[in-house]
Amino acid sequence: MSDKRPTVRQRRVDLEAREAERREAVVQELEAIASGEATDVIQWDAMGQVTLTPSDELPARAKRSVKKVKVTPNQFGNVIEVEMHDKLSALRLLAKHRGLLEPDANSSKPSMIGINITGPKASIVEVDGDGESK
């Protein structure tokens, strides 16, 4: 009777492959958030009329980058609020992941710059009772 269970080595390889897939999924999500634009979701004309793009017509990146859509009816029509995920945070995480925030190892620039500031020299002036200097 042969045992067909995977070996420890095979399990590690499988775990590493799944971990790589998860990392790639996170990177794709961050890229979608970072590239999302408000005009993917809303449009407005010269008169200021705002319309929402129907959800079935949204690009995939817009579906991922939209955090919240709120439509509130009032006496003048609908108030439309669209909140997107934070683009700068996504860009910062992507830059960190890709090593763009790390200092260049080949750079010959100093990592610290010393700055010495000296103010003007103080001088003492004596004034007599009439307000004139001696």
C-alpha atoms as a PDB file:
ATOM      1  CA  MET A   1       0.000   0.000   0.000  1.00  0.00           C
ATOM      2  CA  SER A   2       1.578   3.283  -1.073  1.00  0.00           C
ATOM      3  CA  ASP A   3       1.081   6.544   0.804  1.00  0.00           C
ATOM      4  CA  LYS A   4       0.132   9.354  -1.631  1.00  0.00           C
ATOM      5  CA  ARG A   5       0.329  12.173   0.932  1.00  0.00           C
ATOM      6  CA  PRO A   6       2.453  15.140  -0.139  1.00  0.00           C
ATOM      7  CA  THR A   7       5.905  15.433   1.319  1.00  0.00           C
ATOM      8  CA  VAL A   8       6.934  18.297   3.586  1.00  0.00           C
ATOM      9  CA  ARG A   9       8.948  19.765   0.718  1.00  0.00           C
ATOM     10  CA  GLN A  10       5.919  19.643  -1.608  1.00  0.00           C
ATOM     11  CA  ARG A  11       3.743  21.298   1.042  1.00  0.00           C
ATOM     12  CA  ARG A  12       6.279  24.118   1.401  1.00  0.00           C
ATOM     13  CA  VAL A  13       6.361  24.630  -2.352  1.00  0.00           C
ATOM     14  CA  ASP A  14       2.556  24.747  -2.432  1.00  0.00           C
ATOM     15  CA  LEU A  15       2.450  27.257   0.447  1.00  0.00           C
ATOM     16  CA  GLU A  16       5.029  29.477  -1.246  1.00  0.00           C
ATOM     17  CA  ALA A  17       3.052  29.392  -4.495  1.00  0.00           C
ATOM     18  CA  ARG A  18      -0.161  30.365  -2.688  1.00  0.00           C
ATOM     19  CA  GLU A  19       1.677  33.128  -0.830  1.00  0.00           C
ATOM     20  CA  ALA A  20       2.999  34.511  -4.133  1.00  0.00           C
ATOM     21  CA  GLU A  21      -0.544  34.471  -5.549  1.00  0.00           C
ATOM     22  CA  ARG A  22      -1.829  36.361  -2.493  1.00  0.00           C
ATOM     23  CA  ARG A  23       0.926  38.960  -2.797  1.00  0.00           C
ATOM     24  CA  GLU A  24       0.136  39.464  -6.461  1.00  0.00           C
ATOM     25  CA  ALA A  25      -3.578  39.837  -5.671  1.00  0.00           C
ATOM     26  CA  VAL A  26      -2.763  42.537  -3.098  1.00  0.00           C
ATOM     27  CA  VAL A  27      -0.525  44.349  -5.584  1.00  0.00           C
ATOM     28  CA  GLN A  28      -3.261  44.255  -8.236  1.00  0.00           C
ATOM     29  CA  GLU A  29      -5.784  45.643  -5.759  1.00  0.00           C
ATOM     30  CA  LEU A  30      -3.431  48.469  -4.778  1.00  0.00           C
ATOM     31  CA  GLU A  31      -2.743  49.247  -8.437  1.00  0.00           C
ATOM     32  CA  ALA A  32      -6.485  49.459  -9.128  1.00  0.00           C
ATOM     33  CA  ILE A  33      -6.985  51.843  -6.204  1.00  0.00           C
ATOM     34  CA  ALA A  34      -3.984  53.937  -7.219  1.00  0.00           C
ATOM     35  CA  SER A  35      -5.152  54.239 -10.836  1.00  0.00           C
ATOM     36  CA  GLY A  36      -8.851  54.783 -10.128  1.00  0.00           C
ATOM     37  CA  GLU A  37     -10.313  58.111 -11.208  1.00  0.00           C
ATOM     38  CA  ALA A  38     -13.484  59.881 -10.152  1.00  0.00           C
ATOM     39  CA  THR A  39     -14.471  60.271 -13.805  1.00  0.00           C
ATOM     40  CA  ASP A  40     -14.717  56.477 -14.022  1.00  0.00           C
ATOM     41  CA  VAL A  41     -17.703  56.755 -11.676  1.00  0.00           C
ATOM     42  CA  ILE A  42     -19.263  60.183 -12.237  1.00  0.00           C
ATOM     43  CA  GLN A  43     -19.567  62.579 -15.142  1.00  0.00           C
ATOM     44  CA  TRP A  44     -20.728  66.172 -15.253  1.00  0.00           C
ATOM     45  CA  ASP A  45     -21.683  68.477 -18.058  1.00  0.00           C
ATOM     46  CA  ALA A  46     -21.132  72.207 -18.604  1.00  0.00           C
ATOM     47  CA  MET A  47     -24.319  72.969 -16.647  1.00  0.00           C
ATOM     48  CA  GLY A  48     -23.083  71.044 -13.601  1.00  0.00           C
ATOM     49  CA  GLN A  49     -25.453  68.121 -14.055  1.00  0.00           C
ATOM     50  CA  VAL A  50     -23.831  65.100 -12.409  1.00  0.00           C
ATOM     51  CA  THR A  51     -24.577  61.534 -13.460  1.00  0.00           C
ATOM     52  CA  LEU A  52     -23.356  58.212 -12.125  1.00  0.00           C
ATOM     53  CA  THR A  53     -21.991  55.544 -14.416  1.00  0.00           C
ATOM     54  CA  PRO A  54     -24.167  52.425 -14.150  1.00  0.00           C
ATOM     55  CA  SER A  55     -22.408  49.790 -12.068  1.00  0.00           C
ATOM     56  CA  ASP A  56     -22.419  47.258 -14.914  1.00  0.00           C
ATOM     57  CA  GLU A  57     -20.511  49.769 -17.085  1.00  0.00           C
ATOM     58  CA  LEU A  58     -17.803  50.587 -14.527  1.00  0.00           C
ATOM     59  CA  PRO A  59     -14.230  49.603 -15.390  1.00  0.00           C
ATOM     60  CA  ALA A  60     -12.751  46.966 -13.065  1.00  0.00           C
ATOM     61  CA  ARG A  61     -10.348  49.495 -11.526  1.00  0.00           C
ATOM     62  CA  ALA A  62     -13.276  51.773 -10.629  1.00  0.00           C
ATOM     63  CA  LYS A  63     -15.133  48.948  -8.926  1.00  0.00           C
ATOM     64  CA  ARG A  64     -12.082  48.365  -6.770  1.00  0.00           C
ATOM     65  CA  SER A  65     -11.286  52.018  -6.076  1.00  0.00           C
ATOM     66  CA  VAL A  66     -14.782  53.127  -5.005  1.00  0.00           C
ATOM     67  CA  LYS A  67     -15.222  53.076  -1.257  1.00  0.00           C
ATOM     68  CA  LYS A  68     -18.782  54.389  -1.022  1.00  0.00           C
ATOM     69  CA  VAL A  69     -21.575  55.766  -3.214  1.00  0.00           C
ATOM     70  CA  LYS A  70     -24.425  57.605  -1.545  1.00  0.00           C
ATOM     71  CA  VAL A  71     -27.452  59.063  -3.346  1.00  0.00           C
ATOM     72  CA  THR A  72     -29.746  61.234  -1.232  1.00  0.00           C
ATOM     73  CA  PRO A  73     -32.915  62.609  -2.834  1.00  0.00           C
ATOM     74  CA  ASN A  74     -33.974  66.170  -1.985  1.00  0.00           C
ATOM     75  CA  GLN A  75     -36.387  68.764  -3.405  1.00  0.00           C
ATOM     76  CA  PHE A  76     -33.869  69.754  -6.129  1.00  0.00           C
ATOM     77  CA  GLY A  77     -32.987  66.248  -7.294  1.00  0.00           C
ATOM     78  CA  ASN A  78     -30.407  63.828  -5.975  1.00  0.00           C
ATOM     79  CA  VAL A  79     -27.325  64.624  -3.932  1.00  0.00           C
ATOM     80  CA  ILE A  80     -24.604  62.253  -5.099  1.00  0.00           C
ATOM     81  CA  GLU A  81     -21.588  61.469  -2.927  1.00  0.00           C
ATOM     82  CA  VAL A  82     -18.812  59.241  -4.211  1.00  0.00           C
ATOM     83  CA  GLU A  83     -15.948  58.373  -1.893  1.00  0.00           C
ATOM     84  CA  MET A  84     -12.849  56.724  -3.333  1.00  0.00           C
ATOM     85  CA  HIS A  85     -10.250  54.717  -1.420  1.00  0.00           C
ATOM     86  CA  ASP A  86      -7.171  56.743  -0.474  1.00  0.00           C
ATOM     87  CA  LYS A  87      -5.021  56.919  -3.601  1.00  0.00           C
ATOM     88  CA  LEU A  88      -1.914  58.285  -1.846  1.00  0.00           C
ATOM     89  CA  SER A  89      -1.885  55.432   0.667  1.00  0.00           C
ATOM     90  CA  ALA A  90      -2.118  52.895  -2.144  1.00  0.00           C
ATOM     91  CA  LEU A  91       0.698  54.605  -4.048  1.00  0.00           C
ATOM     92  CA  ARG A  92       2.839  54.734  -0.907  1.00  0.00           C
ATOM     93  CA  LEU A  93       2.337  51.007  -0.273  1.00  0.00           C
ATOM     94  CA  LEU A  94       3.114  50.164  -3.901  1.00  0.00           C
ATOM     95  CA  ALA A  95       6.255  52.298  -3.831  1.00  0.00           C
ATOM     96  CA  LYS A  96       7.376  50.604  -0.628  1.00  0.00           C
ATOM     97  CA  HIS A  97       6.633  47.150  -2.067  1.00  0.00           C
ATOM     98  CA  ARG A  98       8.632  47.910  -5.209  1.00  0.00           C
ATOM     99  CA  GLY A  99      11.565  49.365  -3.249  1.00  0.00           C
ATOM    100  CA  LEU A 100      11.101  52.875  -4.591  1.00  0.00           C
ATOM    101  CA  LEU A 101      11.351  54.372  -1.110  1.00  0.00           C
ATOM    102  CA  GLU A 102      14.635  52.678  -0.290  1.00  0.00           C
ATOM    103  CA  PRO A 103      17.816  54.728  -0.659  1.00  0.00           C
ATOM    104  CA  ASP A 104      19.856  53.868  -3.732  1.00  0.00           C
ATOM    105  CA  ALA A 105      22.793  51.688  -2.681  1.00  0.00           C
ATOM    106  CA  ASN A 106      24.929  53.109  -5.501  1.00  0.00           C
ATOM    107  CA  SER A 107      24.301  56.669  -4.465  1.00  0.00           C
ATOM    108  CA  SER A 108      27.270  58.592  -3.112  1.00  0.00           C
ATOM    109  CA  LYS A 109      25.115  61.216  -1.442  1.00  0.00           C
ATOM    110  CA  PRO A 110      25.528  61.605   2.290  1.00  0.00           C
ATOM    111  CA  SER A 111      22.742  60.196   4.396  1.00  0.00           C
ATOM    112  CA  MET A 112      22.913  63.057   6.875  1.00  0.00           C
ATOM    113  CA  ILE A 113      23.735  66.700   6.427  1.00  0.00           C
ATOM    114  CA  GLY A 114      24.875  68.804   9.368  1.00  0.00           C
ATOM    115  CA  ILE A 115      23.651  72.364   9.473  1.00  0.00           C
ATOM    116  CA  ASN A 116      25.108  74.881  11.894  1.00  0.00           C
ATOM    117  CA  ILE A 117      23.287  78.139  12.378  1.00  0.00           C
ATOM    118  CA  THR A 118      24.790  81.051  14.280  1.00  0.00           C
ATOM    119  CA  GLY A 119      22.810  84.107  15.162  1.00  0.00           C
ATOM    120  CA  PRO A 120      23.986  87.700  15.381  1.00  0.00           C
ATOM    121  CA  LYS A 121      26.381  88.572  18.184  1.00  0.00           C
ATOM    122  CA  ALA A 122      24.769  90.339  21.097  1.00  0.00           C
ATOM    123  CA  SER A 123      26.141  93.665  22.235  1.00  0.00           C
ATOM    124  CA  ILE A 124      25.324  95.483  25.427  1.00  0.00           C
ATOM    125  CA  VAL A 125      24.378  99.130  25.234  1.00  0.00           C
ATOM    126  CA  GLU A 126      24.086 101.119  28.432  1.00  0.00           C
ATOM    127  CA  VAL A 127      21.436 103.835  28.542  1.00  0.00           C
ATOM    128  CA  ASP A 128      21.444 106.714  30.985  1.00  0.00           C
ATOM    129  CA  GLY A 129      18.322 108.188  32.594  1.00  0.00           C
ATOM    130  CA  ASP A 130      17.687 110.511  29.588  1.00  0.00           C
ATOM    131  CA  GLY A 131      17.382 107.572  27.214  1.00  0.00           C
ATOM    132  CA  GLU A 132      20.765 108.263  25.554  1.00  0.00           C
ATOM    133  CA  SER A 133      23.436 105.630  25.159  1.00  0.00           C
ATOM    134  CA  LYS A 134      26.749 106.119  26.974  1.00  0.00           C
END
